[in-house]
Amino acid sequence: MSEESLPADALPEYAERVLEVAELIPRGRVMTYGDVAEWLEEGGPRQVGRVMALYGGSVPWWRVIRADGVLLPGHELRALAHYRDEGTPLKEASRASEGHLPRVDMRRARWDGGERAEGHT
């Protein structure tokens, strides 16, 4: 069965797995697109990014980010509000940086997937 013939509410299996990982990330922590792919032992950062772009609206999408900690273009203010609400460690932007937006402090905020949820395969 091709993706085009799937019912509207059905997700490809890989997408379901990516979204499950996004839901496991604790408040105030993040994983990179590559971290998620590595954790799943399938795909890569681009595939995870594609899943998040197409289907991520129903999960805490702001917790899956670029490895450099830059806020998701076009969604910076929404993501920033979530990060501040959750206490995600941020690096304040320098006055020279575009838009003066902070970045996620990857050294402090990155979650390695420890304490994997029971039942994860």
PDB file of N, CA and C in Angstrom:
ATOM      1  N   MET A   1       0.854  -1.188   0.000  1.00  0.00           N
ATOM      2  CA  MET A   1       0.000   0.000   0.000  1.00  0.00           C
ATOM      3  C   MET A   1       0.889   1.237   0.000  1.00  0.00           C
ATOM      4  N   SER A   2       0.674   2.137  -0.914  1.00  0.00           N
ATOM      5  CA  SER A   2       1.480   3.355  -0.971  1.00  0.00           C
ATOM      6  C   SER A   2       0.938   4.388   0.006  1.00  0.00           C
ATOM      7  N   GLU A   3       1.781   5.394   0.336  1.00  0.00           N
ATOM      8  CA  GLU A   3       1.349   6.447   1.239  1.00  0.00           C
ATOM      9  C   GLU A   3       0.145   7.191   0.685  1.00  0.00           C
ATOM     10  N   GLU A   4       0.057   7.317  -0.641  1.00  0.00           N
ATOM     11  CA  GLU A   4      -1.047   8.046  -1.242  1.00  0.00           C
ATOM     12  C   GLU A   4      -2.381   7.362  -0.984  1.00  0.00           C
ATOM     13  N   SER A   5      -2.386   6.027  -0.822  1.00  0.00           N
ATOM     14  CA  SER A   5      -3.639   5.314  -0.640  1.00  0.00           C
ATOM     15  C   SER A   5      -3.980   5.083   0.838  1.00  0.00           C
ATOM     16  N   LEU A   6      -3.169   5.601   1.737  1.00  0.00           N
ATOM     17  CA  LEU A   6      -3.460   5.457   3.162  1.00  0.00           C
ATOM     18  C   LEU A   6      -4.640   6.328   3.556  1.00  0.00           C
ATOM     19  N   PRO A   7      -5.447   5.863   4.516  1.00  0.00           N
ATOM     20  CA  PRO A   7      -6.503   6.736   5.037  1.00  0.00           C
ATOM     21  C   PRO A   7      -5.882   8.005   5.613  1.00  0.00           C
ATOM     22  N   ALA A   8      -6.649   9.088   5.626  1.00  0.00           N
ATOM     23  CA  ALA A   8      -6.131  10.387   6.058  1.00  0.00           C
ATOM     24  C   ALA A   8      -5.562  10.353   7.464  1.00  0.00           C
ATOM     25  N   ASP A   9      -6.118   9.522   8.346  1.00  0.00           N
ATOM     26  CA  ASP A   9      -5.656   9.505   9.733  1.00  0.00           C
ATOM     27  C   ASP A   9      -4.542   8.485   9.974  1.00  0.00           C
ATOM     28  N   ALA A  10      -4.135   7.742   8.938  1.00  0.00           N
ATOM     29  CA  ALA A  10      -3.077   6.748   9.090  1.00  0.00           C
ATOM     30  C   ALA A  10      -1.719   7.378   8.826  1.00  0.00           C
ATOM     31  N   LEU A  11      -0.736   6.998   9.650  1.00  0.00           N
ATOM     32  CA  LEU A  11       0.624   7.487   9.471  1.00  0.00           C
ATOM     33  C   LEU A  11       1.511   6.346   9.008  1.00  0.00           C
ATOM     34  N   PRO A  12       2.516   6.662   8.198  1.00  0.00           N
ATOM     35  CA  PRO A  12       3.499   5.633   7.885  1.00  0.00           C
ATOM     36  C   PRO A  12       4.154   5.158   9.190  1.00  0.00           C
ATOM     37  N   GLU A  13       4.566   3.901   9.218  1.00  0.00           N
ATOM     38  CA  GLU A  13       5.140   3.318  10.440  1.00  0.00           C
ATOM     39  C   GLU A  13       6.340   4.122  10.961  1.00  0.00           C
ATOM     40  N   TYR A  14       7.235   4.529  10.068  1.00  0.00           N
ATOM     41  CA  TYR A  14       8.400   5.296  10.503  1.00  0.00           C
ATOM     42  C   TYR A  14       7.971   6.604  11.157  1.00  0.00           C
ATOM     43  N   ALA A  15       6.976   7.262  10.582  1.00  0.00           N
ATOM     44  CA  ALA A  15       6.484   8.520  11.159  1.00  0.00           C
ATOM     45  C   ALA A  15       5.928   8.287  12.558  1.00  0.00           C
ATOM     46  N   GLU A  16       5.198   7.228  12.746  1.00  0.00           N
ATOM     47  CA  GLU A  16       4.660   6.910  14.074  1.00  0.00           C
ATOM     48  C   GLU A  16       5.785   6.739  15.078  1.00  0.00           C
ATOM     49  N   ARG A  17       6.835   6.056  14.666  1.00  0.00           N
ATOM     50  CA  ARG A  17       7.963   5.812  15.570  1.00  0.00           C
ATOM     51  C   ARG A  17       8.680   7.115  15.926  1.00  0.00           C
ATOM     52  N   VAL A  18       8.872   7.985  14.949  1.00  0.00           N
ATOM     53  CA  VAL A  18       9.509   9.288  15.203  1.00  0.00           C
ATOM     54  C   VAL A  18       8.671  10.090  16.187  1.00  0.00           C
ATOM     55  N   LEU A  19       7.367  10.134  15.968  1.00  0.00           N
ATOM     56  CA  LEU A  19       6.486  10.913  16.837  1.00  0.00           C
ATOM     57  C   LEU A  19       6.446  10.336  18.249  1.00  0.00           C
ATOM     58  N   GLU A  20       6.540   9.018  18.367  1.00  0.00           N
ATOM     59  CA  GLU A  20       6.592   8.393  19.698  1.00  0.00           C
ATOM     60  C   GLU A  20       7.834   8.848  20.458  1.00  0.00           C
ATOM     61  N   VAL A  21       8.966   8.930  19.766  1.00  0.00           N
ATOM     62  CA  VAL A  21      10.193   9.394  20.416  1.00  0.00           C
ATOM     63  C   VAL A  21      10.030  10.851  20.846  1.00  0.00           C
ATOM     64  N   ALA A  22       9.470  11.684  19.984  1.00  0.00           N
ATOM     65  CA  ALA A  22       9.264  13.093  20.341  1.00  0.00           C
ATOM     66  C   ALA A  22       8.434  13.219  21.611  1.00  0.00           C
ATOM     67  N   GLU A  23       7.456  12.357  21.778  1.00  0.00           N
ATOM     68  CA  GLU A  23       6.612  12.394  22.972  1.00  0.00           C
ATOM     69  C   GLU A  23       7.341  11.922  24.228  1.00  0.00           C
ATOM     70  N   LEU A  24       8.404  11.149  24.063  1.00  0.00           N
ATOM     71  CA  LEU A  24       9.172  10.651  25.210  1.00  0.00           C
ATOM     72  C   LEU A  24      10.142  11.687  25.783  1.00  0.00           C
ATOM     73  N   ILE A  25      10.499  12.671  24.992  1.00  0.00           N
ATOM     74  CA  ILE A  25      11.495  13.660  25.428  1.00  0.00           C
ATOM     75  C   ILE A  25      10.914  14.460  26.596  1.00  0.00           C
ATOM     76  N   PRO A  26      11.613  14.475  27.719  1.00  0.00           N
ATOM     77  CA  PRO A  26      11.086  15.186  28.895  1.00  0.00           C
ATOM     78  C   PRO A  26      10.986  16.691  28.680  1.00  0.00           C
ATOM     79  N   ARG A  27      10.094  17.317  29.430  1.00  0.00           N
ATOM     80  CA  ARG A  27       9.977  18.782  29.417  1.00  0.00           C
ATOM     81  C   ARG A  27      11.342  19.392  29.723  1.00  0.00           C
ATOM     82  N   GLY A  28      11.662  20.453  29.014  1.00  0.00           N
ATOM     83  CA  GLY A  28      12.911  21.154  29.257  1.00  0.00           C
ATOM     84  C   GLY A  28      14.135  20.507  28.620  1.00  0.00           C
ATOM     85  N   ARG A  29      13.929  19.443  27.862  1.00  0.00           N
ATOM     86  CA  ARG A  29      15.034  18.741  27.199  1.00  0.00           C
ATOM     87  C   ARG A  29      14.757  18.676  25.708  1.00  0.00           C
ATOM     88  N   VAL A  30      15.780  18.389  24.917  1.00  0.00           N
ATOM     89  CA  VAL A  30      15.639  18.300  23.466  1.00  0.00           C
ATOM     90  C   VAL A  30      16.477  17.139  22.926  1.00  0.00           C
ATOM     91  N   MET A  31      16.136  16.719  21.731  1.00  0.00           N
ATOM     92  CA  MET A  31      16.953  15.786  20.951  1.00  0.00           C
ATOM     93  C   MET A  31      17.103  16.407  19.569  1.00  0.00           C
ATOM     94  N   THR A  32      18.207  16.106  18.910  1.00  0.00           N
ATOM     95  CA  THR A  32      18.380  16.567  17.538  1.00  0.00           C
ATOM     96  C   THR A  32      17.685  15.584  16.596  1.00  0.00           C
ATOM     97  N   TYR A  33      17.507  16.032  15.364  1.00  0.00           N
ATOM     98  CA  TYR A  33      16.937  15.146  14.352  1.00  0.00           C
ATOM     99  C   TYR A  33      17.793  13.884  14.232  1.00  0.00           C
ATOM    100  N   GLY A  34      19.103  14.067  14.250  1.00  0.00           N
ATOM    101  CA  GLY A  34      20.011  12.924  14.159  1.00  0.00           C
ATOM    102  C   GLY A  34      19.938  12.024  15.376  1.00  0.00           C
ATOM    103  N   ASP A  35      19.749  12.614  16.569  1.00  0.00           N
ATOM    104  CA  ASP A  35      19.602  11.813  17.787  1.00  0.00           C
ATOM    105  C   ASP A  35      18.399  10.884  17.675  1.00  0.00           C
ATOM    106  N   VAL A  36      17.296  11.419  17.163  1.00  0.00           N
ATOM    107  CA  VAL A  36      16.078  10.610  17.037  1.00  0.00           C
ATOM    108  C   VAL A  36      16.319   9.456  16.070  1.00  0.00           C
ATOM    109  N   ALA A  37      16.935   9.742  14.928  1.00  0.00           N
ATOM    110  CA  ALA A  37      17.225   8.685  13.954  1.00  0.00           C
ATOM    111  C   ALA A  37      18.147   7.631  14.554  1.00  0.00           C
ATOM    112  N   GLU A  38      19.158   8.084  15.288  1.00  0.00           N
ATOM    113  CA  GLU A  38      20.085   7.144  15.917  1.00  0.00           C
ATOM    114  C   GLU A  38      19.367   6.290  16.961  1.00  0.00           C
ATOM    115  N   TRP A  39      18.508   6.896  17.726  1.00  0.00           N
ATOM    116  CA  TRP A  39      17.766   6.180  18.762  1.00  0.00           C
ATOM    117  C   TRP A  39      16.876   5.109  18.150  1.00  0.00           C
ATOM    118  N   LEU A  40      16.272   5.450  16.992  1.00  0.00           N
ATOM    119  CA  LEU A  40      15.412   4.497  16.294  1.00  0.00           C
ATOM    120  C   LEU A  40      16.216   3.466  15.516  1.00  0.00           C
ATOM    121  N   GLU A  41      17.513   3.760  15.315  1.00  0.00           N
ATOM    122  CA  GLU A  41      18.387   2.913  14.502  1.00  0.00           C
ATOM    123  C   GLU A  41      17.834   2.760  13.083  1.00  0.00           C
ATOM    124  N   GLU A  42      17.293   3.889  12.589  1.00  0.00           N
ATOM    125  CA  GLU A  42      16.720   3.888  11.243  1.00  0.00           C
ATOM    126  C   GLU A  42      16.632   5.328  10.735  1.00  0.00           C
ATOM    127  N   GLY A  43      16.853   5.500   9.439  1.00  0.00           N
ATOM    128  CA  GLY A  43      16.739   6.816   8.835  1.00  0.00           C
ATOM    129  C   GLY A  43      17.890   7.716   9.228  1.00  0.00           C
ATOM    130  N   GLY A  44      17.701   8.987   8.995  1.00  0.00           N
ATOM    131  CA  GLY A  44      18.715   9.978   9.318  1.00  0.00           C
ATOM    132  C   GLY A  44      18.040  11.292   9.662  1.00  0.00           C
ATOM    133  N   PRO A  45      18.850  12.339   9.896  1.00  0.00           N
ATOM    134  CA  PRO A  45      18.280  13.631  10.286  1.00  0.00           C
ATOM    135  C   PRO A  45      17.256  14.182   9.294  1.00  0.00           C
ATOM    136  N   ARG A  46      17.513  14.028   8.026  1.00  0.00           N
ATOM    137  CA  ARG A  46      16.576  14.567   7.023  1.00  0.00           C
ATOM    138  C   ARG A  46      15.228  13.848   7.068  1.00  0.00           C
ATOM    139  N   GLN A  47      15.266  12.531   7.257  1.00  0.00           N
ATOM    140  CA  GLN A  47      14.019  11.777   7.324  1.00  0.00           C
ATOM    141  C   GLN A  47      13.215  12.170   8.568  1.00  0.00           C
ATOM    142  N   VAL A  48      13.909  12.334   9.686  1.00  0.00           N
ATOM    143  CA  VAL A  48      13.236  12.758  10.912  1.00  0.00           C
ATOM    144  C   VAL A  48      12.666  14.160  10.736  1.00  0.00           C
ATOM    145  N   GLY A  49      13.451  15.056  10.146  1.00  0.00           N
ATOM    146  CA  GLY A  49      12.967  16.415   9.893  1.00  0.00           C
ATOM    147  C   GLY A  49      11.739  16.430   9.011  1.00  0.00           C
ATOM    148  N   ARG A  50      11.724  15.583   8.008  1.00  0.00           N
ATOM    149  CA  ARG A  50      10.567  15.498   7.104  1.00  0.00           C
ATOM    150  C   ARG A  50       9.334  15.030   7.864  1.00  0.00           C
ATOM    151  N   VAL A  51       9.497  14.013   8.694  1.00  0.00           N
ATOM    152  CA  VAL A  51       8.370  13.529   9.499  1.00  0.00           C
ATOM    153  C   VAL A  51       7.852  14.644  10.399  1.00  0.00           C
ATOM    154  N   MET A  52       8.774  15.345  11.057  1.00  0.00           N
ATOM    155  CA  MET A  52       8.352  16.413  11.964  1.00  0.00           C
ATOM    156  C   MET A  52       7.639  17.535  11.208  1.00  0.00           C
ATOM    157  N   ALA A  53       8.120  17.848  10.003  1.00  0.00           N
ATOM    158  CA  ALA A  53       7.490  18.901   9.210  1.00  0.00           C
ATOM    159  C   ALA A  53       6.075  18.506   8.780  1.00  0.00           C
ATOM    160  N   LEU A  54       5.885  17.247   8.425  1.00  0.00           N
ATOM    161  CA  LEU A  54       4.588  16.794   7.926  1.00  0.00           C
ATOM    162  C   LEU A  54       3.602  16.444   9.031  1.00  0.00           C
ATOM    163  N   TYR A  55       4.101  15.838  10.113  1.00  0.00           N
ATOM    164  CA  TYR A  55       3.205  15.254  11.108  1.00  0.00           C
ATOM    165  C   TYR A  55       3.442  15.730  12.544  1.00  0.00           C
ATOM    166  N   GLY A  56       4.436  16.548  12.774  1.00  0.00           N
ATOM    167  CA  GLY A  56       4.859  16.877  14.135  1.00  0.00           C
ATOM    168  C   GLY A  56       3.957  17.789  14.931  1.00  0.00           C
ATOM    169  N   GLY A  57       2.937  18.358  14.328  1.00  0.00           N
ATOM    170  CA  GLY A  57       2.079  19.299  15.028  1.00  0.00           C
ATOM    171  C   GLY A  57       1.323  18.714  16.207  1.00  0.00           C
ATOM    172  N   SER A  58       1.186  17.401  16.249  1.00  0.00           N
ATOM    173  CA  SER A  58       0.415  16.768  17.323  1.00  0.00           C
ATOM    174  C   SER A  58       1.283  16.338  18.507  1.00  0.00           C
ATOM    175  N   VAL A  59       2.579  16.581  18.425  1.00  0.00           N
ATOM    176  CA  VAL A  59       3.513  16.200  19.490  1.00  0.00           C
ATOM    177  C   VAL A  59       4.332  17.431  19.881  1.00  0.00           C
ATOM    178  N   PRO A  60       5.139  17.351  20.953  1.00  0.00           N
ATOM    179  CA  PRO A  60       5.986  18.491  21.325  1.00  0.00           C
ATOM    180  C   PRO A  60       7.133  18.689  20.329  1.00  0.00           C
ATOM    181  N   TRP A  61       6.795  19.243  19.173  1.00  0.00           N
ATOM    182  CA  TRP A  61       7.730  19.405  18.044  1.00  0.00           C
ATOM    183  C   TRP A  61       8.944  20.244  18.414  1.00  0.00           C
ATOM    184  N   TRP A  62       8.802  21.162  19.338  1.00  0.00           N
ATOM    185  CA  TRP A  62       9.896  22.058  19.717  1.00  0.00           C
ATOM    186  C   TRP A  62      11.010  21.319  20.438  1.00  0.00           C
ATOM    187  N   ARG A  63      10.792  20.083  20.830  1.00  0.00           N
ATOM    188  CA  ARG A  63      11.817  19.297  21.524  1.00  0.00           C
ATOM    189  C   ARG A  63      12.704  18.518  20.558  1.00  0.00           C
ATOM    190  N   VAL A  64      12.423  18.558  19.262  1.00  0.00           N
ATOM    191  CA  VAL A  64      13.262  17.916  18.239  1.00  0.00           C
ATOM    192  C   VAL A  64      13.801  19.047  17.368  1.00  0.00           C
ATOM    193  N   ILE A  65      15.121  19.265  17.444  1.00  0.00           N
ATOM    194  CA  ILE A  65      15.693  20.473  16.852  1.00  0.00           C
ATOM    195  C   ILE A  65      16.988  20.196  16.101  1.00  0.00           C
ATOM    196  N   ARG A  66      17.500  21.257  15.484  1.00  0.00           N
ATOM    197  CA  ARG A  66      18.796  21.180  14.805  1.00  0.00           C
ATOM    198  C   ARG A  66      19.905  21.033  15.839  1.00  0.00           C
ATOM    199  N   ALA A  67      20.995  20.433  15.422  1.00  0.00           N
ATOM    200  CA  ALA A  67      22.121  20.183  16.330  1.00  0.00           C
ATOM    201  C   ALA A  67      22.784  21.455  16.831  1.00  0.00           C
ATOM    202  N   ASP A  68      22.618  22.573  16.116  1.00  0.00           N
ATOM    203  CA  ASP A  68      23.244  23.821  16.562  1.00  0.00           C
ATOM    204  C   ASP A  68      22.374  24.609  17.542  1.00  0.00           C
ATOM    205  N   GLY A  69      21.171  24.093  17.843  1.00  0.00           N
ATOM    206  CA  GLY A  69      20.301  24.742  18.815  1.00  0.00           C
ATOM    207  C   GLY A  69      19.518  25.926  18.297  1.00  0.00           C
ATOM    208  N   VAL A  70      19.630  26.216  17.001  1.00  0.00           N
ATOM    209  CA  VAL A  70      18.896  27.338  16.403  1.00  0.00           C
ATOM    210  C   VAL A  70      17.404  27.015  16.402  1.00  0.00           C
ATOM    211  N   LEU A  71      16.591  28.019  16.728  1.00  0.00           N
ATOM    212  CA  LEU A  71      15.147  27.829  16.766  1.00  0.00           C
ATOM    213  C   LEU A  71      14.598  27.609  15.363  1.00  0.00           C
ATOM    214  N   LEU A  72      13.546  26.810  15.266  1.00  0.00           N
ATOM    215  CA  LEU A  72      12.961  26.434  13.988  1.00  0.00           C
ATOM    216  C   LEU A  72      12.483  27.661  13.214  1.00  0.00           C
ATOM    217  N   PRO A  73      13.067  27.917  12.035  1.00  0.00           N
ATOM    218  CA  PRO A  73      12.680  29.089  11.243  1.00  0.00           C
ATOM    219  C   PRO A  73      11.177  29.110  10.971  1.00  0.00           C
ATOM    220  N   GLY A  74      10.582  30.256  11.197  1.00  0.00           N
ATOM    221  CA  GLY A  74       9.152  30.424  11.002  1.00  0.00           C
ATOM    222  C   GLY A  74       8.325  30.111  12.237  1.00  0.00           C
ATOM    223  N   HIS A  75       8.948  29.447  13.207  1.00  0.00           N
ATOM    224  CA  HIS A  75       8.240  29.056  14.430  1.00  0.00           C
ATOM    225  C   HIS A  75       9.022  29.468  15.675  1.00  0.00           C
ATOM    226  N   GLU A  76       9.942  30.399  15.489  1.00  0.00           N
ATOM    227  CA  GLU A  76      10.854  30.782  16.571  1.00  0.00           C
ATOM    228  C   GLU A  76      10.128  31.247  17.833  1.00  0.00           C
ATOM    229  N   LEU A  77       9.157  32.117  17.676  1.00  0.00           N
ATOM    230  CA  LEU A  77       8.504  32.681  18.858  1.00  0.00           C
ATOM    231  C   LEU A  77       7.639  31.646  19.579  1.00  0.00           C
ATOM    232  N   ARG A  78       6.971  30.789  18.829  1.00  0.00           N
ATOM    233  CA  ARG A  78       6.185  29.719  19.464  1.00  0.00           C
ATOM    234  C   ARG A  78       7.109  28.762  20.205  1.00  0.00           C
ATOM    235  N   ALA A  79       8.214  28.386  19.562  1.00  0.00           N
ATOM    236  CA  ALA A  79       9.170  27.477  20.209  1.00  0.00           C
ATOM    237  C   ALA A  79       9.756  28.132  21.450  1.00  0.00           C
ATOM    238  N   LEU A  80      10.135  29.380  21.350  1.00  0.00           N
ATOM    239  CA  LEU A  80      10.733  30.094  22.474  1.00  0.00           C
ATOM    240  C   LEU A  80       9.778  30.140  23.667  1.00  0.00           C
ATOM    241  N   ALA A  81       8.500  30.355  23.395  1.00  0.00           N
ATOM    242  CA  ALA A  81       7.510  30.359  24.480  1.00  0.00           C
ATOM    243  C   ALA A  81       7.472  28.994  25.175  1.00  0.00           C
ATOM    244  N   HIS A  82       7.525  27.921  24.394  1.00  0.00           N
ATOM    245  CA  HIS A  82       7.541  26.571  24.981  1.00  0.00           C
ATOM    246  C   HIS A  82       8.812  26.360  25.808  1.00  0.00           C
ATOM    247  N   TYR A  83       9.956  26.761  25.255  1.00  0.00           N
ATOM    248  CA  TYR A  83      11.218  26.573  25.976  1.00  0.00           C
ATOM    249  C   TYR A  83      11.206  27.319  27.301  1.00  0.00           C
ATOM    250  N   ARG A  84      10.720  28.526  27.279  1.00  0.00           N
ATOM    251  CA  ARG A  84      10.687  29.311  28.522  1.00  0.00           C
ATOM    252  C   ARG A  84       9.708  28.707  29.516  1.00  0.00           C
ATOM    253  N   ASP A  85       8.566  28.248  29.045  1.00  0.00           N
ATOM    254  CA  ASP A  85       7.579  27.616  29.912  1.00  0.00           C
ATOM    255  C   ASP A  85       8.126  26.348  30.555  1.00  0.00           C
ATOM    256  N   GLU A  86       8.904  25.584  29.791  1.00  0.00           N
ATOM    257  CA  GLU A  86       9.429  24.305  30.275  1.00  0.00           C
ATOM    258  C   GLU A  86      10.769  24.428  30.988  1.00  0.00           C
ATOM    259  N   GLY A  87      11.363  25.611  30.958  1.00  0.00           N
ATOM    260  CA  GLY A  87      12.662  25.790  31.605  1.00  0.00           C
ATOM    261  C   GLY A  87      13.814  25.179  30.821  1.00  0.00           C
ATOM    262  N   THR A  88      13.672  25.088  29.515  1.00  0.00           N
ATOM    263  CA  THR A  88      14.739  24.565  28.668  1.00  0.00           C
ATOM    264  C   THR A  88      15.930  25.521  28.721  1.00  0.00           C
ATOM    265  N   PRO A  89      17.144  25.003  28.965  1.00  0.00           N
ATOM    266  CA  PRO A  89      18.317  25.889  28.999  1.00  0.00           C
ATOM    267  C   PRO A  89      18.545  26.567  27.650  1.00  0.00           C
ATOM    268  N   LEU A  90      18.715  27.875  27.700  1.00  0.00           N
ATOM    269  CA  LEU A  90      18.927  28.674  26.501  1.00  0.00           C
ATOM    270  C   LEU A  90      20.229  29.440  26.610  1.00  0.00           C
ATOM    271  N   LYS A  91      20.800  29.762  25.462  1.00  0.00           N
ATOM    272  CA  LYS A  91      21.952  30.664  25.370  1.00  0.00           C
ATOM    273  C   LYS A  91      21.420  31.967  24.798  1.00  0.00           C
ATOM    274  N   GLU A  92      21.561  33.025  25.537  1.00  0.00           N
ATOM    275  CA  GLU A  92      21.075  34.311  25.048  1.00  0.00           C
ATOM    276  C   GLU A  92      21.845  34.715  23.801  1.00  0.00           C
ATOM    277  N   ALA A  93      21.132  35.338  22.892  1.00  0.00           N
ATOM    278  CA  ALA A  93      21.719  35.742  21.616  1.00  0.00           C
ATOM    279  C   ALA A  93      22.616  36.955  21.799  1.00  0.00           C
ATOM    280  N   SER A  94      23.643  37.003  21.006  1.00  0.00           N
ATOM    281  CA  SER A  94      24.479  38.204  20.988  1.00  0.00           C
ATOM    282  C   SER A  94      23.746  39.262  20.169  1.00  0.00           C
ATOM    283  N   ARG A  95      24.125  40.496  20.368  1.00  0.00           N
ATOM    284  CA  ARG A  95      23.483  41.582  19.632  1.00  0.00           C
ATOM    285  C   ARG A  95      23.747  41.468  18.135  1.00  0.00           C
ATOM    286  N   ALA A  96      24.783  40.754  17.750  1.00  0.00           N
ATOM    287  CA  ALA A  96      25.115  40.607  16.331  1.00  0.00           C
ATOM    288  C   ALA A  96      24.292  39.513  15.654  1.00  0.00           C
ATOM    289  N   SER A  97      23.674  38.632  16.429  1.00  0.00           N
ATOM    290  CA  SER A  97      22.941  37.533  15.808  1.00  0.00           C
ATOM    291  C   SER A  97      21.617  38.018  15.238  1.00  0.00           C
ATOM    292  N   GLU A  98      21.241  37.398  14.146  1.00  0.00           N
ATOM    293  CA  GLU A  98      20.038  37.798  13.420  1.00  0.00           C
ATOM    294  C   GLU A  98      18.801  37.642  14.303  1.00  0.00           C
ATOM    295  N   GLY A  99      18.042  38.701  14.450  1.00  0.00           N
ATOM    296  CA  GLY A  99      16.813  38.665  15.218  1.00  0.00           C
ATOM    297  C   GLY A  99      17.008  38.662  16.713  1.00  0.00           C
ATOM    298  N   HIS A 100      18.240  38.567  17.175  1.00  0.00           N
ATOM    299  CA  HIS A 100      18.570  38.549  18.599  1.00  0.00           C
ATOM    300  C   HIS A 100      17.824  37.452  19.363  1.00  0.00           C
ATOM    301  N   LEU A 101      17.581  36.330  18.710  1.00  0.00           N
ATOM    302  CA  LEU A 101      16.894  35.223  19.367  1.00  0.00           C
ATOM    303  C   LEU A 101      17.905  34.294  20.020  1.00  0.00           C
ATOM    304  N   PRO A 102      17.569  33.779  21.187  1.00  0.00           N
ATOM    305  CA  PRO A 102      18.481  32.825  21.828  1.00  0.00           C
ATOM    306  C   PRO A 102      18.494  31.499  21.071  1.00  0.00           C
ATOM    307  N   ARG A 103      19.442  30.665  21.429  1.00  0.00           N
ATOM    308  CA  ARG A 103      19.518  29.295  20.939  1.00  0.00           C
ATOM    309  C   ARG A 103      19.326  28.384  22.134  1.00  0.00           C
ATOM    310  N   VAL A 104      18.973  27.148  21.856  1.00  0.00           N
ATOM    311  CA  VAL A 104      18.922  26.158  22.923  1.00  0.00           C
ATOM    312  C   VAL A 104      20.360  25.833  23.309  1.00  0.00           C
ATOM    313  N   ASP A 105      20.632  25.769  24.598  1.00  0.00           N
ATOM    314  CA  ASP A 105      21.959  25.392  25.093  1.00  0.00           C
ATOM    315  C   ASP A 105      22.055  23.870  25.001  1.00  0.00           C
ATOM    316  N   MET A 106      22.616  23.403  23.896  1.00  0.00           N
ATOM    317  CA  MET A 106      22.642  21.963  23.613  1.00  0.00           C
ATOM    318  C   MET A 106      23.423  21.174  24.667  1.00  0.00           C
ATOM    319  N   ARG A 107      24.461  21.755  25.206  1.00  0.00           N
ATOM    320  CA  ARG A 107      25.253  21.045  26.206  1.00  0.00           C
ATOM    321  C   ARG A 107      24.401  20.700  27.426  1.00  0.00           C
ATOM    322  N   ARG A 108      23.505  21.587  27.802  1.00  0.00           N
ATOM    323  CA  ARG A 108      22.694  21.379  29.002  1.00  0.00           C
ATOM    324  C   ARG A 108      21.317  20.789  28.719  1.00  0.00           C
ATOM    325  N   ALA A 109      20.768  21.030  27.528  1.00  0.00           N
ATOM    326  CA  ALA A 109      19.388  20.629  27.240  1.00  0.00           C
ATOM    327  C   ALA A 109      19.267  19.291  26.527  1.00  0.00           C
ATOM    328  N   ARG A 110      20.339  18.831  25.910  1.00  0.00           N
ATOM    329  CA  ARG A 110      20.257  17.619  25.087  1.00  0.00           C
ATOM    330  C   ARG A 110      19.964  16.394  25.934  1.00  0.00           C
ATOM    331  N   TRP A 111      18.971  15.620  25.498  1.00  0.00           N
ATOM    332  CA  TRP A 111      18.572  14.392  26.178  1.00  0.00           C
ATOM    333  C   TRP A 111      19.098  13.219  25.383  1.00  0.00           C
ATOM    334  N   ASP A 112      19.738  12.288  26.060  1.00  0.00           N
ATOM    335  CA  ASP A 112      20.347  11.155  25.364  1.00  0.00           C
ATOM    336  C   ASP A 112      19.415   9.957  25.231  1.00  0.00           C
ATOM    337  N   GLY A 113      18.176  10.108  25.664  1.00  0.00           N
ATOM    338  CA  GLY A 113      17.232   9.003  25.561  1.00  0.00           C
ATOM    339  C   GLY A 113      17.360   8.016  26.696  1.00  0.00           C
ATOM    340  N   GLY A 114      18.165   8.355  27.706  1.00  0.00           N
ATOM    341  CA  GLY A 114      18.293   7.493  28.870  1.00  0.00           C
ATOM    342  C   GLY A 114      16.943   7.258  29.505  1.00  0.00           C
ATOM    343  N   GLU A 115      16.860   6.251  30.296  1.00  0.00           N
ATOM    344  CA  GLU A 115      15.594   5.847  30.890  1.00  0.00           C
ATOM    345  C   GLU A 115      14.550   5.649  29.796  1.00  0.00           C
ATOM    346  N   ARG A 116      14.904   4.833  28.804  1.00  0.00           N
ATOM    347  CA  ARG A 116      13.963   4.565  27.720  1.00  0.00           C
ATOM    348  C   ARG A 116      12.648   4.064  28.305  1.00  0.00           C
ATOM    349  N   ALA A 117      11.578   4.481  27.696  1.00  0.00           N
ATOM    350  CA  ALA A 117      10.255   4.078  28.170  1.00  0.00           C
ATOM    351  C   ALA A 117      10.084   2.580  28.016  1.00  0.00           C
ATOM    352  N   GLU A 118       9.412   1.975  28.985  1.00  0.00           N
ATOM    353  CA  GLU A 118       9.134   0.545  28.887  1.00  0.00           C
ATOM    354  C   GLU A 118       8.299   0.287  27.645  1.00  0.00           C
ATOM    355  N   GLY A 119       8.584  -0.794  26.990  1.00  0.00           N
ATOM    356  CA  GLY A 119       7.816  -1.162  25.818  1.00  0.00           C
ATOM    357  C   GLY A 119       8.371  -0.613  24.523  1.00  0.00           C
ATOM    358  N   HIS A 120       9.400   0.248  24.604  1.00  0.00           N
ATOM    359  CA  HIS A 120       9.982   0.768  23.365  1.00  0.00           C
ATOM    360  C   HIS A 120      10.804  -0.333  22.715  1.00  0.00           C
ATOM    361  N   THR A 121      10.653  -0.444  21.402  1.00  0.00           N
ATOM    362  CA  THR A 121      11.452  -1.433  20.668  1.00  0.00           C
ATOM    363  C   THR A 121      12.238  -0.756  19.588  1.00  0.00           C
TER     364      THR A 121
END
